[in-house]
């Protein structure tokens, strides 16, 4: 367990975040803070990178983006964000990306933390009732007409498939980067939540002197 956690903690230090949208107004909600303009979007349980998207239970996911004034820097720390659910006085702080990544990598540690992703299975065929002809790689099957080569249905381009990044690595890569940044910066925040998303009637994200009403 220790080697895995060490790797996750090391990876968290090199988070790249997500790609900020062109302007704060491109996010569903935005507000002005003391140091920057803040944009945000409630992702419920989903997080993504490129064409890869995942769904994880046990955490509420919020994408945030900070836009400092031109020529200024913004210092981001996930601990400065606070989530208030259904107006309760108890406020929720973000979980470290390493904790979320470990839960994703080992869902058996917590039954609430289960990750799901899209997957594809290529076509298969089964023949019965007669001996299977001997097949030689690169040669037509005896007794059957040769057919022109076709690209697999799940890979129409015929190009080698891209290697998929493991979801726990996506968590680390796309988390909100910590530290000083010149220019816009964005990434995901993860808040532990064992309840149902449908039970959330109001959701507020606080940062400095601003409040984003996510729901």
C-alpha atoms as a PDB file:
ATOM      1  CA  UNK A   1       0.000   0.000   0.000  1.00  0.00           C
ATOM      2  CA  UNK A   2       2.816   2.423   0.880  1.00  0.00           C
ATOM      3  CA  UNK A   3       4.512   2.311  -2.559  1.00  0.00           C
ATOM      4  CA  UNK A   4       1.165   3.068  -4.253  1.00  0.00           C
ATOM      5  CA  UNK A   5       0.438   6.022  -1.977  1.00  0.00           C
ATOM      6  CA  UNK A   6       3.969   7.344  -2.502  1.00  0.00           C
ATOM      7  CA  UNK A   7       3.466   7.294  -6.271  1.00  0.00           C
ATOM      8  CA  UNK A   8       0.084   9.007  -5.959  1.00  0.00           C
ATOM      9  CA  UNK A   9       1.446  11.711  -3.680  1.00  0.00           C
ATOM     10  CA  UNK A  10       4.360  12.320  -6.036  1.00  0.00           C
ATOM     11  CA  UNK A  11       2.034  12.539  -9.033  1.00  0.00           C
ATOM     12  CA  UNK A  12      -0.221  15.034  -7.268  1.00  0.00           C
ATOM     13  CA  UNK A  13       2.642  17.509  -7.100  1.00  0.00           C
ATOM     14  CA  UNK A  14       2.727  17.661 -10.915  1.00  0.00           C
ATOM     15  CA  UNK A  15      -0.966  18.207 -11.593  1.00  0.00           C
ATOM     16  CA  UNK A  16      -1.525  19.967 -14.904  1.00  0.00           C
ATOM     17  CA  UNK A  17      -5.153  20.824 -14.356  1.00  0.00           C
ATOM     18  CA  UNK A  18      -7.721  21.178 -17.120  1.00  0.00           C
ATOM     19  CA  UNK A  19      -7.769  23.598 -20.045  1.00  0.00           C
ATOM     20  CA  UNK A  20      -9.403  26.863 -18.935  1.00  0.00           C
ATOM     21  CA  UNK A  21     -12.228  28.144 -21.065  1.00  0.00           C
ATOM     22  CA  UNK A  22     -11.592  31.343 -22.971  1.00  0.00           C
ATOM     23  CA  UNK A  23     -13.292  33.556 -20.389  1.00  0.00           C
ATOM     24  CA  UNK A  24     -15.013  33.167 -17.000  1.00  0.00           C
ATOM     25  CA  UNK A  25     -18.421  33.826 -18.562  1.00  0.00           C
ATOM     26  CA  UNK A  26     -18.093  30.552 -20.476  1.00  0.00           C
ATOM     27  CA  UNK A  27     -18.684  28.670 -17.206  1.00  0.00           C
ATOM     28  CA  UNK A  28     -22.235  28.163 -15.892  1.00  0.00           C
ATOM     29  CA  UNK A  29     -21.445  30.389 -12.890  1.00  0.00           C
ATOM     30  CA  UNK A  30     -18.765  33.012 -12.262  1.00  0.00           C
ATOM     31  CA  UNK A  31     -17.942  35.731  -9.734  1.00  0.00           C
ATOM     32  CA  UNK A  32     -15.284  38.317  -8.932  1.00  0.00           C
ATOM     33  CA  UNK A  33     -12.988  37.615  -5.980  1.00  0.00           C
ATOM     34  CA  UNK A  34     -10.331  39.768  -4.336  1.00  0.00           C
ATOM     35  CA  UNK A  35      -7.520  38.288  -6.413  1.00  0.00           C
ATOM     36  CA  UNK A  36      -9.133  36.939  -9.608  1.00  0.00           C
ATOM     37  CA  UNK A  37     -12.321  36.156 -11.476  1.00  0.00           C
ATOM     38  CA  UNK A  38     -13.673  32.723 -10.596  1.00  0.00           C
ATOM     39  CA  UNK A  39     -15.617  30.410 -12.893  1.00  0.00           C
ATOM     40  CA  UNK A  40     -17.108  27.074 -11.925  1.00  0.00           C
ATOM     41  CA  UNK A  41     -19.178  24.115 -13.030  1.00  0.00           C
ATOM     42  CA  UNK A  42     -20.734  21.339 -10.970  1.00  0.00           C
ATOM     43  CA  UNK A  43     -19.792  18.024 -12.618  1.00  0.00           C
ATOM     44  CA  UNK A  44     -21.745  15.885 -10.088  1.00  0.00           C
ATOM     45  CA  UNK A  45     -19.558  12.715 -10.046  1.00  0.00           C
ATOM     46  CA  UNK A  46     -17.724  12.984 -13.380  1.00  0.00           C
ATOM     47  CA  UNK A  47     -14.179  13.979 -14.334  1.00  0.00           C
ATOM     48  CA  UNK A  48     -12.457  13.806 -17.694  1.00  0.00           C
ATOM     49  CA  UNK A  49      -9.344  14.396 -19.769  1.00  0.00           C
ATOM     50  CA  UNK A  50      -9.563  14.693 -23.546  1.00  0.00           C
ATOM     51  CA  UNK A  51     -11.812  11.926 -24.863  1.00  0.00           C
ATOM     52  CA  UNK A  52     -11.641   9.960 -21.620  1.00  0.00           C
ATOM     53  CA  UNK A  53     -14.400  10.529 -19.075  1.00  0.00           C
ATOM     54  CA  UNK A  54     -15.138   8.735 -15.829  1.00  0.00           C
ATOM     55  CA  UNK A  55     -17.829   8.613 -13.167  1.00  0.00           C
ATOM     56  CA  UNK A  56     -16.861   8.165  -9.534  1.00  0.00           C
ATOM     57  CA  UNK A  57     -19.174   7.720  -6.557  1.00  0.00           C
ATOM     58  CA  UNK A  58     -18.356   8.973  -3.100  1.00  0.00           C
ATOM     59  CA  UNK A  59     -17.186  12.402  -4.291  1.00  0.00           C
ATOM     60  CA  UNK A  60     -18.788  15.535  -5.680  1.00  0.00           C
ATOM     61  CA  UNK A  61     -16.699  17.007  -8.494  1.00  0.00           C
ATOM     62  CA  UNK A  62     -16.449  20.719  -9.248  1.00  0.00           C
ATOM     63  CA  UNK A  63     -14.341  22.234 -12.011  1.00  0.00           C
ATOM     64  CA  UNK A  64     -13.036  25.679 -11.104  1.00  0.00           C
ATOM     65  CA  UNK A  65     -11.072  28.250 -13.087  1.00  0.00           C
ATOM     66  CA  UNK A  66      -9.276  31.368 -11.874  1.00  0.00           C
ATOM     67  CA  UNK A  67      -8.518  34.333 -14.133  1.00  0.00           C
ATOM     68  CA  UNK A  68      -6.090  36.841 -12.584  1.00  0.00           C
ATOM     69  CA  UNK A  69      -5.894  40.441 -13.850  1.00  0.00           C
ATOM     70  CA  UNK A  70      -3.587  40.939 -16.816  1.00  0.00           C
ATOM     71  CA  UNK A  71       0.047  40.918 -15.745  1.00  0.00           C
ATOM     72  CA  UNK A  72      -0.810  39.561 -12.287  1.00  0.00           C
ATOM     73  CA  UNK A  73      -0.357  36.133 -10.767  1.00  0.00           C
ATOM     74  CA  UNK A  74      -2.848  34.016  -8.866  1.00  0.00           C
ATOM     75  CA  UNK A  75      -1.896  31.698  -6.003  1.00  0.00           C
ATOM     76  CA  UNK A  76      -4.162  28.639  -5.998  1.00  0.00           C
ATOM     77  CA  UNK A  77      -4.692  26.382  -3.006  1.00  0.00           C
ATOM     78  CA  UNK A  78      -7.520  23.875  -2.924  1.00  0.00           C
ATOM     79  CA  UNK A  79      -7.868  24.403   0.824  1.00  0.00           C
ATOM     80  CA  UNK A  80      -9.190  27.913   0.141  1.00  0.00           C
ATOM     81  CA  UNK A  81     -12.348  26.445  -1.402  1.00  0.00           C
ATOM     82  CA  UNK A  82     -15.296  25.494   0.813  1.00  0.00           C
ATOM     83  CA  UNK A  83     -18.466  23.698  -0.252  1.00  0.00           C
ATOM     84  CA  UNK A  84     -21.774  24.170   1.538  1.00  0.00           C
ATOM     85  CA  UNK A  85     -24.478  21.596   0.795  1.00  0.00           C
ATOM     86  CA  UNK A  86     -28.186  22.322   1.285  1.00  0.00           C
ATOM     87  CA  UNK A  87     -27.394  25.382   3.373  1.00  0.00           C
ATOM     88  CA  UNK A  88     -25.972  23.352   6.253  1.00  0.00           C
ATOM     89  CA  UNK A  89     -23.570  25.116   8.582  1.00  0.00           C
ATOM     90  CA  UNK A  90     -21.139  22.219   8.244  1.00  0.00           C
ATOM     91  CA  UNK A  91     -18.791  23.075   5.385  1.00  0.00           C
ATOM     92  CA  UNK A  92     -16.871  20.556   3.284  1.00  0.00           C
ATOM     93  CA  UNK A  93     -13.241  20.977   2.242  1.00  0.00           C
ATOM     94  CA  UNK A  94     -11.754  19.403  -0.911  1.00  0.00           C
ATOM     95  CA  UNK A  95     -10.055  16.031  -0.592  1.00  0.00           C
ATOM     96  CA  UNK A  96      -6.403  15.751  -1.699  1.00  0.00           C
ATOM     97  CA  UNK A  97      -6.191  14.340  -5.249  1.00  0.00           C
ATOM     98  CA  UNK A  98      -3.981  11.538  -3.922  1.00  0.00           C
ATOM     99  CA  UNK A  99      -6.795  10.348  -1.643  1.00  0.00           C
ATOM    100  CA  UNK A 100      -9.292  10.373  -4.521  1.00  0.00           C
ATOM    101  CA  UNK A 101      -6.840   8.598  -6.834  1.00  0.00           C
ATOM    102  CA  UNK A 102      -6.197   5.910  -4.224  1.00  0.00           C
ATOM    103  CA  UNK A 103      -9.951   5.397  -3.786  1.00  0.00           C
ATOM    104  CA  UNK A 104     -10.373   5.105  -7.549  1.00  0.00           C
ATOM    105  CA  UNK A 105      -7.487   2.646  -7.846  1.00  0.00           C
ATOM    106  CA  UNK A 106      -8.831   0.544  -4.966  1.00  0.00           C
ATOM    107  CA  UNK A 107     -12.630   0.840  -4.798  1.00  0.00           C
ATOM    108  CA  UNK A 108     -12.683  -2.079  -2.362  1.00  0.00           C
ATOM    109  CA  UNK A 109     -11.322   0.303   0.283  1.00  0.00           C
ATOM    110  CA  UNK A 110     -14.603   2.207   0.183  1.00  0.00           C
ATOM    111  CA  UNK A 111     -17.801   0.873  -1.342  1.00  0.00           C
ATOM    112  CA  UNK A 112     -18.852   4.470  -2.076  1.00  0.00           C
ATOM    113  CA  UNK A 113     -15.864   5.075  -4.372  1.00  0.00           C
ATOM    114  CA  UNK A 114     -16.532   3.281  -7.609  1.00  0.00           C
ATOM    115  CA  UNK A 115     -15.242   4.466 -10.953  1.00  0.00           C
ATOM    116  CA  UNK A 116     -16.851   3.703 -14.270  1.00  0.00           C
ATOM    117  CA  UNK A 117     -15.644   4.414 -17.796  1.00  0.00           C
ATOM    118  CA  UNK A 118     -16.604   3.646 -21.336  1.00  0.00           C
ATOM    119  CA  UNK A 119     -15.287   0.447 -22.926  1.00  0.00           C
ATOM    120  CA  UNK A 120     -15.671  -1.386 -26.216  1.00  0.00           C
ATOM    121  CA  UNK A 121     -15.516  -5.028 -27.272  1.00  0.00           C
ATOM    122  CA  UNK A 122     -14.791  -5.994 -30.845  1.00  0.00           C
ATOM    123  CA  UNK A 123     -17.042  -8.337 -32.877  1.00  0.00           C
ATOM    124  CA  UNK A 124     -16.681 -12.083 -32.344  1.00  0.00           C
ATOM    125  CA  UNK A 125     -17.902 -15.097 -34.314  1.00  0.00           C
ATOM    126  CA  UNK A 126     -18.403 -18.732 -33.393  1.00  0.00           C
ATOM    127  CA  UNK A 127     -18.918 -21.635 -35.806  1.00  0.00           C
ATOM    128  CA  UNK A 128     -20.348 -25.028 -34.778  1.00  0.00           C
ATOM    129  CA  UNK A 129     -21.221 -28.300 -36.518  1.00  0.00           C
ATOM    130  CA  UNK A 130     -18.127 -28.664 -38.640  1.00  0.00           C
ATOM    131  CA  UNK A 131     -14.353 -28.781 -38.204  1.00  0.00           C
ATOM    132  CA  UNK A 132     -12.669 -25.424 -38.159  1.00  0.00           C
ATOM    133  CA  UNK A 133     -10.351 -24.979 -41.195  1.00  0.00           C
ATOM    134  CA  UNK A 134      -6.696 -24.474 -40.455  1.00  0.00           C
ATOM    135  CA  UNK A 135      -5.750 -20.814 -40.505  1.00  0.00           C
ATOM    136  CA  UNK A 136      -2.396 -19.433 -41.589  1.00  0.00           C
ATOM    137  CA  UNK A 137      -1.612 -15.853 -40.587  1.00  0.00           C
ATOM    138  CA  UNK A 138      -1.814 -13.559 -43.595  1.00  0.00           C
ATOM    139  CA  UNK A 139      -3.459 -16.215 -45.821  1.00  0.00           C
ATOM    140  CA  UNK A 140      -7.138 -16.784 -46.759  1.00  0.00           C
ATOM    141  CA  UNK A 141      -9.065 -19.437 -44.834  1.00  0.00           C
ATOM    142  CA  UNK A 142      -9.304 -22.653 -46.901  1.00  0.00           C
ATOM    143  CA  UNK A 143     -12.738 -23.169 -48.469  1.00  0.00           C
ATOM    144  CA  UNK A 144     -13.840 -19.587 -47.972  1.00  0.00           C
ATOM    145  CA  UNK A 145     -13.674 -16.702 -50.433  1.00  0.00           C
ATOM    146  CA  UNK A 146     -11.189 -14.023 -49.549  1.00  0.00           C
ATOM    147  CA  UNK A 147     -12.644 -10.682 -48.523  1.00  0.00           C
ATOM    148  CA  UNK A 148     -11.028  -7.278 -48.654  1.00  0.00           C
ATOM    149  CA  UNK A 149      -9.500  -6.221 -45.347  1.00  0.00           C
ATOM    150  CA  UNK A 150     -11.783  -4.151 -43.178  1.00  0.00           C
ATOM    151  CA  UNK A 151     -11.032  -1.892 -40.255  1.00  0.00           C
ATOM    152  CA  UNK A 152     -12.462  -3.070 -36.931  1.00  0.00           C
ATOM    153  CA  UNK A 153     -15.859  -1.626 -36.146  1.00  0.00           C
ATOM    154  CA  UNK A 154     -14.583  -0.119 -32.907  1.00  0.00           C
ATOM    155  CA  UNK A 155     -11.595   1.456 -34.701  1.00  0.00           C
ATOM    156  CA  UNK A 156     -12.734   2.698 -38.139  1.00  0.00           C
ATOM    157  CA  UNK A 157      -9.479   4.594 -38.750  1.00  0.00           C
ATOM    158  CA  UNK A 158      -7.442   1.384 -38.670  1.00  0.00           C
ATOM    159  CA  UNK A 159      -4.737   3.260 -36.743  1.00  0.00           C
ATOM    160  CA  UNK A 160      -3.189   1.772 -33.611  1.00  0.00           C
ATOM    161  CA  UNK A 161      -5.456   2.634 -30.666  1.00  0.00           C
ATOM    162  CA  UNK A 162      -4.219   5.250 -28.235  1.00  0.00           C
ATOM    163  CA  UNK A 163      -3.143   3.949 -24.890  1.00  0.00           C
ATOM    164  CA  UNK A 164      -5.771   4.823 -22.303  1.00  0.00           C
ATOM    165  CA  UNK A 165      -4.610   6.630 -19.201  1.00  0.00           C
ATOM    166  CA  UNK A 166      -5.718   4.975 -15.972  1.00  0.00           C
ATOM    167  CA  UNK A 167      -8.511   6.877 -14.187  1.00  0.00           C
ATOM    168  CA  UNK A 168      -6.429   7.367 -11.043  1.00  0.00           C
ATOM    169  CA  UNK A 169      -3.785   9.086 -13.160  1.00  0.00           C
ATOM    170  CA  UNK A 170      -6.470  11.271 -14.752  1.00  0.00           C
ATOM    171  CA  UNK A 171      -7.495  12.355 -11.234  1.00  0.00           C
ATOM    172  CA  UNK A 172      -3.925  13.451 -10.490  1.00  0.00           C
ATOM    173  CA  UNK A 173      -3.328  15.101 -13.859  1.00  0.00           C
ATOM    174  CA  UNK A 174      -6.531  17.153 -13.953  1.00  0.00           C
ATOM    175  CA  UNK A 175      -6.719  18.272 -10.316  1.00  0.00           C
ATOM    176  CA  UNK A 176      -6.477  22.009  -9.702  1.00  0.00           C
ATOM    177  CA  UNK A 177      -2.723  22.775  -9.709  1.00  0.00           C
ATOM    178  CA  UNK A 178      -1.384  24.254  -6.478  1.00  0.00           C
ATOM    179  CA  UNK A 179       0.895  27.283  -6.369  1.00  0.00           C
ATOM    180  CA  UNK A 180       1.393  30.537  -8.254  1.00  0.00           C
ATOM    181  CA  UNK A 181       0.249  30.860 -11.857  1.00  0.00           C
ATOM    182  CA  UNK A 182       0.516  33.643 -14.378  1.00  0.00           C
ATOM    183  CA  UNK A 183      -2.647  33.598 -16.409  1.00  0.00           C
ATOM    184  CA  UNK A 184      -5.805  31.465 -16.175  1.00  0.00           C
ATOM    185  CA  UNK A 185      -5.642  28.127 -14.371  1.00  0.00           C
ATOM    186  CA  UNK A 186      -8.335  25.481 -13.915  1.00  0.00           C
ATOM    187  CA  UNK A 187      -8.840  21.977 -12.574  1.00  0.00           C
ATOM    188  CA  UNK A 188     -11.122  19.635 -10.657  1.00  0.00           C
ATOM    189  CA  UNK A 189     -11.880  19.712  -6.940  1.00  0.00           C
ATOM    190  CA  UNK A 190     -13.241  16.628  -5.136  1.00  0.00           C
ATOM    191  CA  UNK A 191     -15.496  16.781  -2.077  1.00  0.00           C
ATOM    192  CA  UNK A 192     -16.386  13.651  -0.114  1.00  0.00           C
ATOM    193  CA  UNK A 193     -20.137  12.978  -0.238  1.00  0.00           C
ATOM    194  CA  UNK A 194     -21.864   9.704   0.635  1.00  0.00           C
ATOM    195  CA  UNK A 195     -25.395  10.861  -0.154  1.00  0.00           C
ATOM    196  CA  UNK A 196     -27.340  10.893  -3.400  1.00  0.00           C
ATOM    197  CA  UNK A 197     -26.857  13.742  -5.840  1.00  0.00           C
ATOM    198  CA  UNK A 198     -30.630  14.016  -6.183  1.00  0.00           C
ATOM    199  CA  UNK A 199     -30.844  14.996  -2.507  1.00  0.00           C
ATOM    200  CA  UNK A 200     -28.772  18.130  -3.108  1.00  0.00           C
ATOM    201  CA  UNK A 201     -31.141  21.093  -3.385  1.00  0.00           C
ATOM    202  CA  UNK A 202     -28.573  23.870  -3.019  1.00  0.00           C
ATOM    203  CA  UNK A 203     -24.812  23.889  -3.502  1.00  0.00           C
ATOM    204  CA  UNK A 204     -22.520  26.831  -2.801  1.00  0.00           C
ATOM    205  CA  UNK A 205     -18.793  27.075  -3.420  1.00  0.00           C
ATOM    206  CA  UNK A 206     -16.995  29.730  -1.382  1.00  0.00           C
ATOM    207  CA  UNK A 207     -13.626  31.206  -2.322  1.00  0.00           C
ATOM    208  CA  UNK A 208     -12.221  34.318  -0.645  1.00  0.00           C
ATOM    209  CA  UNK A 209     -15.116  36.790  -0.605  1.00  0.00           C
ATOM    210  CA  UNK A 210     -17.071  35.196  -3.466  1.00  0.00           C
ATOM    211  CA  UNK A 211     -19.834  32.583  -3.509  1.00  0.00           C
ATOM    212  CA  UNK A 212     -20.698  30.481  -6.555  1.00  0.00           C
ATOM    213  CA  UNK A 213     -24.219  29.056  -6.501  1.00  0.00           C
ATOM    214  CA  UNK A 214     -23.618  25.759  -8.304  1.00  0.00           C
ATOM    215  CA  UNK A 215     -27.163  24.514  -7.687  1.00  0.00           C
END
